[in-house]
């Protein structure tokens, strides 16, 4: 690949990145507007806060991956869209572990309802368990490879 081809490819990637970030922000604000107009202003505020936080964190990761290529970690490269083969294997391995945890959790949740455990409590706990499993699996797979 010549230098000219590389700069064109980098430009297309950068334009695609900005379009994706802009679309995510617009989608987040549009969803919050719909939820707010349905009479749920607190949920709309949460959607705006959470959605724009994700957009900002992804933008910071992208900025760091462009400025300090040699010092960024696996998660930053993945979030910035600059993952290499090893990073993709780590990501895939962590998601495989989370998939297995989700299967086990859904089976346990189904069994727990037979023991008169409140289904709403189970549904409220499961996302937190899956987020913790994702972070733990990612760190363990990243350290081992």
N, C-alpha and C. Protein backbone atom coordinates (compact mmCIF):
# COMPACT_ATOMS: atom_id res chain seq x y z
N UNK A 1 0.85 -1.17 0.00
CA UNK A 1 0.00 0.00 0.00
C UNK A 1 0.89 1.23 0.00
N UNK A 2 0.68 2.12 -0.93
CA UNK A 2 1.49 3.32 -1.01
C UNK A 2 1.04 4.33 0.04
N UNK A 3 1.85 5.37 0.20
CA UNK A 3 1.53 6.41 1.18
C UNK A 3 0.23 7.11 0.81
N UNK A 4 0.04 7.34 -0.48
CA UNK A 4 -1.19 7.99 -0.93
C UNK A 4 -2.41 7.13 -0.61
N UNK A 5 -2.33 5.82 -0.88
CA UNK A 5 -3.45 4.93 -0.58
C UNK A 5 -3.73 4.89 0.91
N UNK A 6 -2.67 4.91 1.71
CA UNK A 6 -2.84 4.85 3.15
C UNK A 6 -3.55 6.11 3.66
N UNK A 7 -3.20 7.29 3.12
CA UNK A 7 -3.84 8.51 3.58
C UNK A 7 -5.31 8.54 3.16
N UNK A 8 -5.63 8.01 2.00
CA UNK A 8 -7.03 7.95 1.56
C UNK A 8 -7.81 7.00 2.47
N UNK A 9 -7.21 5.84 2.79
CA UNK A 9 -7.88 4.89 3.68
C UNK A 9 -8.07 5.48 5.06
N UNK A 10 -7.07 6.19 5.57
CA UNK A 10 -7.18 6.83 6.89
C UNK A 10 -8.27 7.90 6.86
N UNK A 11 -8.35 8.66 5.78
CA UNK A 11 -9.37 9.69 5.67
C UNK A 11 -10.77 9.07 5.66
N UNK A 12 -10.95 7.98 4.92
CA UNK A 12 -12.26 7.31 4.88
C UNK A 12 -12.63 6.77 6.26
N UNK A 13 -11.65 6.22 6.96
CA UNK A 13 -11.90 5.70 8.30
C UNK A 13 -12.28 6.83 9.24
N UNK A 14 -11.59 7.96 9.15
CA UNK A 14 -11.88 9.11 10.01
C UNK A 14 -13.26 9.67 9.72
N UNK A 15 -13.59 9.82 8.45
CA UNK A 15 -14.92 10.32 8.09
C UNK A 15 -16.00 9.36 8.59
N UNK A 16 -15.77 8.07 8.41
CA UNK A 16 -16.73 7.07 8.91
C UNK A 16 -16.88 7.15 10.41
N UNK A 17 -15.76 7.38 11.10
CA UNK A 17 -15.81 7.49 12.56
C UNK A 17 -16.67 8.69 12.98
N UNK A 18 -16.43 9.86 12.38
CA UNK A 18 -17.20 11.04 12.74
C UNK A 18 -18.68 10.89 12.39
N UNK A 19 -18.98 10.24 11.28
CA UNK A 19 -20.37 9.99 10.93
C UNK A 19 -21.03 9.06 11.95
N UNK A 20 -20.31 8.03 12.38
CA UNK A 20 -20.86 7.10 13.36
C UNK A 20 -21.11 7.78 14.70
N UNK A 21 -20.16 8.58 15.16
CA UNK A 21 -20.32 9.29 16.43
C UNK A 21 -21.47 10.28 16.34
N UNK A 22 -21.57 10.99 15.23
CA UNK A 22 -22.68 11.94 15.06
C UNK A 22 -24.02 11.22 15.03
N UNK A 23 -24.09 10.09 14.33
CA UNK A 23 -25.34 9.33 14.27
C UNK A 23 -25.71 8.79 15.65
N UNK A 24 -24.73 8.36 16.42
CA UNK A 24 -25.01 7.86 17.78
C UNK A 24 -25.55 8.97 18.66
N UNK A 25 -24.98 10.16 18.57
CA UNK A 25 -25.46 11.28 19.38
C UNK A 25 -26.88 11.68 18.97
N UNK A 26 -27.13 11.74 17.68
CA UNK A 26 -28.47 12.10 17.20
C UNK A 26 -29.49 11.04 17.61
N UNK A 27 -29.13 9.77 17.47
CA UNK A 27 -30.03 8.69 17.86
C UNK A 27 -30.33 8.73 19.36
N UNK A 28 -29.31 9.00 20.15
CA UNK A 28 -29.49 9.09 21.60
C UNK A 28 -30.42 10.24 21.96
N UNK A 29 -30.19 11.39 21.38
CA UNK A 29 -31.05 12.55 21.68
C UNK A 29 -32.46 12.34 21.16
N UNK A 30 -32.60 11.71 20.01
CA UNK A 30 -33.94 11.43 19.47
C UNK A 30 -34.71 10.46 20.34
N UNK A 31 -34.04 9.42 20.81
CA UNK A 31 -34.68 8.47 21.71
C UNK A 31 -35.09 9.14 23.02
N UNK A 32 -34.23 10.00 23.53
CA UNK A 32 -34.57 10.72 24.76
C UNK A 32 -35.76 11.66 24.53
N UNK A 33 -35.84 12.27 23.38
CA UNK A 33 -36.97 13.15 23.07
C UNK A 33 -38.28 12.37 23.01
N UNK A 34 -38.24 11.18 22.40
CA UNK A 34 -39.44 10.34 22.33
C UNK A 34 -39.87 9.90 23.72
N UNK A 35 -38.92 9.48 24.53
CA UNK A 35 -39.24 9.02 25.89
C UNK A 35 -39.76 10.18 26.73
N UNK A 36 -39.17 11.36 26.56
CA UNK A 36 -39.62 12.54 27.31
C UNK A 36 -41.03 12.94 26.90
N UNK A 37 -41.33 12.87 25.61
CA UNK A 37 -42.67 13.23 25.15
C UNK A 37 -43.72 12.21 25.59
N UNK A 38 -43.28 11.00 25.94
CA UNK A 38 -44.19 9.98 26.46
C UNK A 38 -44.46 10.17 27.95
N UNK A 39 -43.85 11.19 28.55
CA UNK A 39 -44.12 11.50 29.94
C UNK A 39 -43.15 10.89 30.94
N UNK A 40 -41.93 10.59 30.50
CA UNK A 40 -40.93 10.02 31.39
C UNK A 40 -39.66 10.87 31.36
N UNK A 41 -39.69 12.05 31.97
CA UNK A 41 -38.52 12.94 31.88
C UNK A 41 -37.29 12.39 32.59
N UNK A 42 -37.46 11.64 33.66
CA UNK A 42 -36.29 11.09 34.35
C UNK A 42 -35.59 10.02 33.51
N UNK A 43 -36.38 9.19 32.84
CA UNK A 43 -35.80 8.18 31.96
C UNK A 43 -35.09 8.85 30.78
N UNK A 44 -35.68 9.92 30.26
CA UNK A 44 -35.05 10.64 29.16
C UNK A 44 -33.71 11.25 29.59
N UNK A 45 -33.67 11.79 30.80
CA UNK A 45 -32.41 12.33 31.31
C UNK A 45 -31.36 11.23 31.45
N UNK A 46 -31.78 10.05 31.88
CA UNK A 46 -30.86 8.93 31.99
C UNK A 46 -30.36 8.47 30.64
N UNK A 47 -31.24 8.48 29.64
CA UNK A 47 -30.84 8.08 28.29
C UNK A 47 -29.81 9.06 27.74
N UNK A 48 -30.06 10.35 27.93
CA UNK A 48 -29.12 11.36 27.45
C UNK A 48 -27.78 11.22 28.16
N UNK A 49 -27.82 11.09 29.48
CA UNK A 49 -26.58 10.98 30.25
C UNK A 49 -25.79 9.74 29.87
N UNK A 50 -26.44 8.60 29.88
CA UNK A 50 -25.73 7.35 29.56
C UNK A 50 -25.26 7.29 28.12
N UNK A 51 -26.13 7.67 27.20
CA UNK A 51 -25.76 7.60 25.79
C UNK A 51 -24.63 8.54 25.41
N UNK A 52 -24.72 9.78 25.88
CA UNK A 52 -23.66 10.72 25.55
C UNK A 52 -22.37 10.40 26.29
N UNK A 53 -22.47 9.78 27.47
CA UNK A 53 -21.27 9.34 28.17
C UNK A 53 -20.53 8.28 27.34
N UNK A 54 -21.28 7.36 26.77
CA UNK A 54 -20.66 6.34 25.91
C UNK A 54 -20.03 6.98 24.69
N UNK A 55 -20.69 7.95 24.08
CA UNK A 55 -20.14 8.63 22.91
C UNK A 55 -18.86 9.37 23.29
N UNK A 56 -18.86 10.04 24.42
CA UNK A 56 -17.67 10.78 24.86
C UNK A 56 -16.52 9.83 25.16
N UNK A 57 -16.81 8.73 25.87
CA UNK A 57 -15.75 7.77 26.19
C UNK A 57 -15.17 7.13 24.93
N UNK A 58 -16.01 6.81 23.97
CA UNK A 58 -15.51 6.26 22.71
C UNK A 58 -14.67 7.30 21.97
N UNK A 59 -15.06 8.55 22.02
CA UNK A 59 -14.29 9.61 21.37
C UNK A 59 -12.93 9.81 22.05
N UNK A 60 -12.91 9.74 23.37
CA UNK A 60 -11.65 9.86 24.10
C UNK A 60 -10.74 8.68 23.75
N UNK A 61 -11.32 7.49 23.67
CA UNK A 61 -10.53 6.33 23.28
C UNK A 61 -9.95 6.47 21.88
N UNK A 62 -10.75 6.98 20.97
CA UNK A 62 -10.27 7.19 19.60
C UNK A 62 -9.16 8.24 19.58
N UNK A 63 -9.35 9.31 20.33
CA UNK A 63 -8.35 10.36 20.39
C UNK A 63 -7.04 9.83 20.97
N UNK A 64 -7.13 9.04 22.04
CA UNK A 64 -5.94 8.45 22.64
C UNK A 64 -5.27 7.48 21.68
N UNK A 65 -6.05 6.73 20.93
CA UNK A 65 -5.45 5.76 20.02
C UNK A 65 -4.74 6.44 18.86
N UNK A 66 -5.14 7.63 18.52
CA UNK A 66 -4.48 8.37 17.46
C UNK A 66 -3.22 9.06 17.99
N UNK A 67 -3.30 9.60 19.19
CA UNK A 67 -2.18 10.37 19.74
C UNK A 67 -1.09 9.51 20.35
N UNK A 68 -1.44 8.47 21.08
CA UNK A 68 -0.44 7.68 21.82
C UNK A 68 -0.61 6.20 21.48
N UNK A 69 -0.26 5.86 20.27
CA UNK A 69 -0.48 4.51 19.77
C UNK A 69 0.27 3.47 20.60
N UNK A 70 1.46 3.80 21.07
CA UNK A 70 2.27 2.82 21.78
C UNK A 70 1.87 2.63 23.24
N UNK A 71 1.04 3.51 23.79
CA UNK A 71 0.70 3.42 25.21
C UNK A 71 -0.74 3.01 25.49
N UNK A 72 -1.53 2.77 24.49
CA UNK A 72 -2.94 2.45 24.75
C UNK A 72 -3.12 0.96 24.97
N UNK A 73 -4.20 0.63 25.64
CA UNK A 73 -4.47 -0.77 25.96
C UNK A 73 -5.40 -1.43 24.95
N UNK A 74 -5.67 -2.68 25.22
CA UNK A 74 -6.50 -3.48 24.33
C UNK A 74 -7.91 -2.91 24.22
N UNK A 75 -8.52 -2.57 25.35
CA UNK A 75 -9.89 -2.07 25.34
C UNK A 75 -9.99 -0.75 24.58
N UNK A 76 -9.00 0.10 24.71
CA UNK A 76 -9.02 1.38 24.00
C UNK A 76 -8.92 1.17 22.50
N UNK A 77 -8.05 0.25 22.09
CA UNK A 77 -7.93 -0.02 20.64
C UNK A 77 -9.22 -0.60 20.08
N UNK A 78 -9.87 -1.48 20.85
CA UNK A 78 -11.13 -2.06 20.38
C UNK A 78 -12.21 -0.99 20.28
N UNK A 79 -12.33 -0.16 21.32
CA UNK A 79 -13.36 0.89 21.32
C UNK A 79 -13.12 1.93 20.24
N UNK A 80 -11.86 2.16 19.92
CA UNK A 80 -11.53 3.16 18.90
C UNK A 80 -11.60 2.62 17.49
N UNK A 81 -11.83 1.31 17.35
CA UNK A 81 -11.90 0.73 16.02
C UNK A 81 -10.56 0.47 15.39
N UNK A 82 -9.52 0.36 16.20
CA UNK A 82 -8.17 0.15 15.70
C UNK A 82 -7.57 -1.15 16.25
N UNK A 83 -8.41 -2.15 16.40
CA UNK A 83 -7.96 -3.41 16.99
C UNK A 83 -7.16 -4.23 15.99
N UNK A 84 -6.11 -4.91 16.51
CA UNK A 84 -5.37 -5.85 15.67
C UNK A 84 -5.92 -7.26 15.92
N UNK A 85 -5.23 -8.26 15.37
CA UNK A 85 -5.74 -9.64 15.47
C UNK A 85 -5.80 -10.12 16.92
N UNK A 86 -4.78 -9.79 17.72
CA UNK A 86 -4.76 -10.21 19.11
C UNK A 86 -5.91 -9.57 19.88
N UNK A 87 -6.13 -8.29 19.66
CA UNK A 87 -7.21 -7.59 20.35
C UNK A 87 -8.56 -8.22 20.01
N UNK A 88 -8.75 -8.58 18.75
CA UNK A 88 -10.01 -9.20 18.35
C UNK A 88 -10.18 -10.58 18.97
N UNK A 89 -9.08 -11.32 19.12
CA UNK A 89 -9.15 -12.63 19.79
C UNK A 89 -9.51 -12.46 21.26
N UNK A 90 -8.94 -11.46 21.92
CA UNK A 90 -9.26 -11.19 23.32
C UNK A 90 -10.73 -10.82 23.46
N UNK A 91 -11.20 -9.96 22.58
CA UNK A 91 -12.60 -9.53 22.60
C UNK A 91 -13.54 -10.72 22.38
N UNK A 92 -13.19 -11.53 21.40
CA UNK A 92 -14.01 -12.70 21.09
C UNK A 92 -14.02 -13.70 22.25
N UNK A 93 -12.87 -13.91 22.88
CA UNK A 93 -12.79 -14.82 24.02
C UNK A 93 -13.59 -14.33 25.21
N UNK A 94 -13.52 -13.04 25.47
CA UNK A 94 -14.29 -12.47 26.59
C UNK A 94 -15.78 -12.57 26.33
N UNK A 95 -16.20 -12.32 25.09
CA UNK A 95 -17.62 -12.43 24.78
C UNK A 95 -18.11 -13.87 24.84
N UNK A 96 -17.23 -14.81 24.52
CA UNK A 96 -17.61 -16.23 24.64
C UNK A 96 -17.85 -16.60 26.10
N UNK A 97 -17.01 -16.10 26.98
CA UNK A 97 -17.19 -16.35 28.42
C UNK A 97 -18.49 -15.73 28.89
N UNK A 98 -18.77 -14.50 28.46
CA UNK A 98 -20.00 -13.82 28.88
C UNK A 98 -21.22 -14.56 28.35
N UNK A 99 -21.14 -15.11 27.14
CA UNK A 99 -22.24 -15.91 26.60
C UNK A 99 -22.53 -17.13 27.45
N UNK A 100 -21.48 -17.79 27.90
CA UNK A 100 -21.67 -18.95 28.77
C UNK A 100 -22.26 -18.54 30.12
N UNK A 101 -21.79 -17.42 30.65
CA UNK A 101 -22.34 -16.92 31.93
C UNK A 101 -23.82 -16.58 31.75
N UNK A 102 -24.17 -15.98 30.62
CA UNK A 102 -25.57 -15.63 30.37
C UNK A 102 -26.45 -16.88 30.28
N UNK A 103 -25.94 -17.93 29.64
CA UNK A 103 -26.70 -19.18 29.57
C UNK A 103 -26.92 -19.77 30.97
N UNK A 104 -25.87 -19.79 31.76
CA UNK A 104 -25.99 -20.33 33.12
C UNK A 104 -26.93 -19.46 33.95
N UNK A 105 -26.80 -18.12 33.83
CA UNK A 105 -27.67 -17.22 34.59
C UNK A 105 -29.14 -17.39 34.21
N UNK A 106 -29.40 -17.54 32.93
CA UNK A 106 -30.80 -17.69 32.53
C UNK A 106 -31.38 -19.00 33.05
N UNK A 107 -30.57 -20.04 33.07
CA UNK A 107 -31.03 -21.30 33.65
C UNK A 107 -31.27 -21.19 35.15
N UNK A 108 -30.35 -20.52 35.85
CA UNK A 108 -30.54 -20.32 37.28
C UNK A 108 -31.74 -19.42 37.57
N UNK A 109 -31.95 -18.42 36.74
CA UNK A 109 -33.09 -17.52 36.93
C UNK A 109 -34.40 -18.28 36.74
N UNK A 110 -34.43 -19.13 35.74
CA UNK A 110 -35.62 -19.95 35.52
C UNK A 110 -35.89 -20.87 36.71
N UNK A 111 -34.83 -21.48 37.22
CA UNK A 111 -34.99 -22.36 38.38
C UNK A 111 -35.37 -21.57 39.63
N UNK A 112 -34.86 -20.35 39.76
CA UNK A 112 -35.15 -19.54 40.94
C UNK A 112 -36.62 -19.13 41.01
N UNK A 113 -37.26 -18.98 39.85
CA UNK A 113 -38.68 -18.62 39.88
C UNK A 113 -39.52 -19.75 40.46
N UNK A 114 -39.05 -21.00 40.33
CA UNK A 114 -39.75 -22.12 40.95
C UNK A 114 -39.60 -22.12 42.47
N UNK A 115 -38.60 -21.40 42.95
CA UNK A 115 -38.37 -21.30 44.39
C UNK A 115 -38.97 -20.02 44.96
N UNK A 116 -39.90 -19.43 44.22
CA UNK A 116 -40.62 -18.22 44.62
C UNK A 116 -39.74 -16.99 44.78
N UNK A 117 -38.66 -16.90 44.01
CA UNK A 117 -37.86 -15.69 43.97
C UNK A 117 -38.55 -14.73 43.00
N UNK A 118 -38.59 -13.47 43.36
CA UNK A 118 -39.27 -12.47 42.55
C UNK A 118 -38.57 -12.32 41.19
N UNK A 119 -39.31 -12.46 40.11
CA UNK A 119 -38.75 -12.39 38.75
C UNK A 119 -38.20 -11.00 38.45
N UNK A 120 -38.82 -9.96 39.00
CA UNK A 120 -38.35 -8.59 38.77
C UNK A 120 -36.97 -8.41 39.40
N UNK A 121 -36.76 -8.97 40.57
CA UNK A 121 -35.46 -8.88 41.22
C UNK A 121 -34.39 -9.58 40.39
N UNK A 122 -34.74 -10.71 39.82
CA UNK A 122 -33.79 -11.45 38.99
C UNK A 122 -33.42 -10.62 37.76
N UNK A 123 -34.43 -10.03 37.11
CA UNK A 123 -34.17 -9.23 35.92
C UNK A 123 -33.36 -7.98 36.22
N UNK A 124 -33.51 -7.44 37.42
CA UNK A 124 -32.74 -6.25 37.77
C UNK A 124 -31.30 -6.57 38.12
N UNK A 125 -31.04 -7.76 38.59
CA UNK A 125 -29.68 -8.13 38.97
C UNK A 125 -28.87 -8.62 37.78
N UNK A 126 -29.51 -9.28 36.83
CA UNK A 126 -28.79 -9.91 35.72
C UNK A 126 -27.90 -8.96 34.92
N UNK A 127 -28.31 -7.75 34.56
CA UNK A 127 -27.40 -6.88 33.80
C UNK A 127 -26.12 -6.55 34.57
N UNK A 128 -26.23 -6.35 35.87
CA UNK A 128 -25.05 -6.03 36.65
C UNK A 128 -24.09 -7.22 36.72
N UNK A 129 -24.65 -8.40 36.84
CA UNK A 129 -23.81 -9.61 36.86
C UNK A 129 -23.12 -9.77 35.50
N UNK A 130 -23.84 -9.52 34.42
CA UNK A 130 -23.25 -9.66 33.09
C UNK A 130 -22.18 -8.60 32.82
N UNK A 131 -22.38 -7.39 33.30
CA UNK A 131 -21.35 -6.35 33.14
C UNK A 131 -20.10 -6.73 33.94
N UNK A 132 -20.29 -7.20 35.16
CA UNK A 132 -19.15 -7.63 35.97
C UNK A 132 -18.44 -8.82 35.33
N UNK A 133 -19.20 -9.76 34.78
CA UNK A 133 -18.60 -10.91 34.10
C UNK A 133 -17.84 -10.46 32.85
N UNK A 134 -18.37 -9.49 32.13
CA UNK A 134 -17.69 -8.98 30.95
C UNK A 134 -16.35 -8.36 31.32
N UNK A 135 -16.34 -7.49 32.32
CA UNK A 135 -15.10 -6.84 32.74
C UNK A 135 -14.09 -7.86 33.25
N UNK A 136 -14.54 -8.78 34.07
CA UNK A 136 -13.63 -9.79 34.62
C UNK A 136 -13.07 -10.70 33.52
N UNK A 137 -13.93 -11.16 32.63
CA UNK A 137 -13.49 -12.04 31.55
C UNK A 137 -12.52 -11.32 30.63
N UNK A 138 -12.79 -10.06 30.34
CA UNK A 138 -11.90 -9.30 29.46
C UNK A 138 -10.51 -9.16 30.07
N UNK A 139 -10.47 -8.83 31.35
CA UNK A 139 -9.17 -8.66 32.01
C UNK A 139 -8.41 -9.98 32.06
N UNK A 140 -9.10 -11.05 32.40
CA UNK A 140 -8.43 -12.36 32.50
C UNK A 140 -7.94 -12.84 31.14
N UNK A 141 -8.77 -12.74 30.12
CA UNK A 141 -8.35 -13.19 28.78
C UNK A 141 -7.24 -12.30 28.25
N UNK A 142 -7.30 -11.00 28.53
CA UNK A 142 -6.26 -10.08 28.07
C UNK A 142 -4.93 -10.39 28.74
N UNK A 143 -4.93 -10.69 30.02
CA UNK A 143 -3.68 -10.99 30.74
C UNK A 143 -3.08 -12.32 30.33
N UNK A 144 -3.92 -13.27 29.99
CA UNK A 144 -3.43 -14.60 29.64
C UNK A 144 -2.92 -14.71 28.22
N UNK A 145 -3.28 -13.76 27.37
CA UNK A 145 -2.82 -13.86 25.98
C UNK A 145 -1.81 -12.81 25.62
